[in-house]
Amino acid sequence: MFGRRRSPSPEPSDRPGLGIGALVQVVDTDRSGERWAGEPIGVIVAPGGNQHVGLPGVGEPLSWTVAFDDAAYTKDGRGPFERATVLSRQLVPIQPAPDTEA
């Protein structure tokens, strides 16, 4: 009873595969977060800023710095951005296309 905690239900940001070097697509969510035009693709290059991470060394980052493949714009027209801090819940890991050279 007391002292026992239920494990939280998995959130979209609990998806495996997020970390430095991961190829990701930025998607819109119903909750907070920047609205990006065209669901840009990029690579995670660093954890997000301290204002999003929480206590240093505790848990997973709530945001990541993403370097975009092509310049990205927000839906309200801001940009171009070469990189941006994006909430984890907006990032979907994707697999790179296989090499076609043999």
Protein backbone atom coordinates (compact mmCIF):
# COMPACT_ATOMS: atom_id res chain seq x y z
CA MET A 1 0.00 0.00 0.00
CA PHE A 2 2.15 2.84 1.26
CA GLY A 3 5.53 3.23 -0.37
CA ARG A 4 4.50 1.20 -3.42
CA ARG A 5 4.16 3.11 -6.62
CA ARG A 6 2.52 1.99 -9.77
CA SER A 7 4.69 2.28 -12.79
CA PRO A 8 3.38 5.07 -15.00
CA SER A 9 1.71 4.14 -18.24
CA PRO A 10 4.08 4.54 -21.19
CA GLU A 11 4.12 7.96 -22.80
CA PRO A 12 4.99 8.61 -26.45
CA SER A 13 8.28 10.11 -25.22
CA ASP A 14 9.17 6.73 -23.64
CA ARG A 15 9.76 5.29 -27.11
CA PRO A 16 13.05 3.46 -27.40
CA GLY A 17 15.58 4.75 -29.88
CA LEU A 18 15.88 8.39 -28.80
CA GLY A 19 19.44 9.50 -28.13
CA ILE A 20 22.39 11.25 -29.68
CA GLY A 21 22.84 10.06 -33.26
CA ALA A 22 19.24 8.89 -33.71
CA LEU A 23 17.52 9.76 -36.98
CA VAL A 24 14.12 11.26 -36.12
CA GLN A 25 11.06 12.85 -37.66
CA VAL A 26 9.38 15.75 -35.86
CA VAL A 27 5.59 15.38 -35.59
CA ASP A 28 2.82 17.47 -34.06
CA THR A 29 1.14 16.37 -30.83
CA ASP A 30 -2.08 17.35 -29.12
CA ARG A 31 -0.07 18.66 -26.21
CA SER A 32 2.41 21.53 -26.07
CA GLY A 33 5.32 21.89 -28.42
CA GLU A 34 6.36 23.86 -31.45
CA ARG A 35 4.34 23.29 -34.62
CA TRP A 36 6.71 22.36 -37.46
CA ALA A 37 5.81 22.59 -41.15
CA GLY A 38 6.15 19.37 -43.12
CA GLU A 39 7.34 17.08 -40.28
CA PRO A 40 11.09 17.71 -40.77
CA ILE A 41 13.72 14.98 -40.44
CA GLY A 42 17.00 15.35 -38.60
CA VAL A 43 19.55 13.79 -36.28
CA ILE A 44 19.67 14.21 -32.51
CA VAL A 45 22.97 15.97 -31.71
CA ALA A 46 22.60 16.77 -27.98
CA PRO A 47 20.20 16.75 -25.04
CA GLY A 48 17.86 19.75 -24.96
CA GLY A 49 18.39 22.84 -22.87
CA ASN A 50 18.40 22.74 -19.06
CA GLN A 51 14.99 24.35 -18.90
CA HIS A 52 13.53 21.15 -20.37
CA VAL A 53 15.76 18.44 -18.93
CA GLY A 54 14.95 18.73 -15.21
CA LEU A 55 17.49 17.65 -12.63
CA PRO A 56 20.93 16.87 -14.09
CA GLY A 57 21.61 13.15 -14.28
CA VAL A 58 18.07 12.15 -13.31
CA GLY A 59 15.86 10.42 -15.84
CA GLU A 60 15.78 10.91 -19.58
CA PRO A 61 15.84 14.31 -21.24
CA LEU A 62 12.44 15.78 -22.02
CA SER A 63 13.86 17.46 -25.10
CA TRP A 64 16.65 16.98 -27.61
CA THR A 65 18.61 19.24 -29.94
CA VAL A 66 17.92 18.14 -33.50
CA ALA A 67 20.05 19.11 -36.53
CA PHE A 68 17.74 19.08 -39.55
CA ASP A 69 18.62 17.53 -42.93
CA ASP A 70 17.06 20.50 -44.72
CA ALA A 71 16.26 23.92 -43.31
CA ALA A 72 13.08 23.62 -41.23
CA TYR A 73 10.28 26.14 -40.72
CA THR A 74 7.51 26.44 -38.17
CA LYS A 75 3.89 26.49 -39.28
CA ASP A 76 3.70 30.20 -38.44
CA GLY A 77 6.52 30.90 -40.93
CA ARG A 78 9.54 31.30 -38.65
CA GLY A 79 12.83 29.92 -39.89
CA PRO A 80 14.84 28.63 -41.55
CA PHE A 81 16.28 26.60 -38.69
CA GLU A 82 19.34 24.37 -39.08
CA ARG A 83 18.83 22.97 -35.57
CA ALA A 84 16.30 23.34 -32.76
CA THR A 85 15.39 22.01 -29.32
CA VAL A 86 12.39 19.69 -29.74
CA LEU A 87 10.27 17.96 -27.08
CA SER A 88 10.83 14.19 -26.87
CA ARG A 89 7.12 13.52 -27.35
CA GLN A 90 7.37 15.12 -30.81
CA LEU A 91 10.21 12.88 -31.99
CA VAL A 92 9.65 9.59 -33.81
CA PRO A 93 12.73 7.44 -34.50
CA ILE A 94 13.01 6.41 -38.15
CA GLN A 95 15.27 3.96 -39.93
CA PRO A 96 17.60 5.34 -42.61
CA ALA A 97 16.98 4.13 -46.15
CA PRO A 98 19.16 1.14 -47.01
CA ASP A 99 22.10 1.74 -49.31
CA THR A 100 21.22 0.78 -52.88
CA GLU A 101 24.84 0.53 -54.02
CA ALA A 102 26.17 -3.00 -54.30
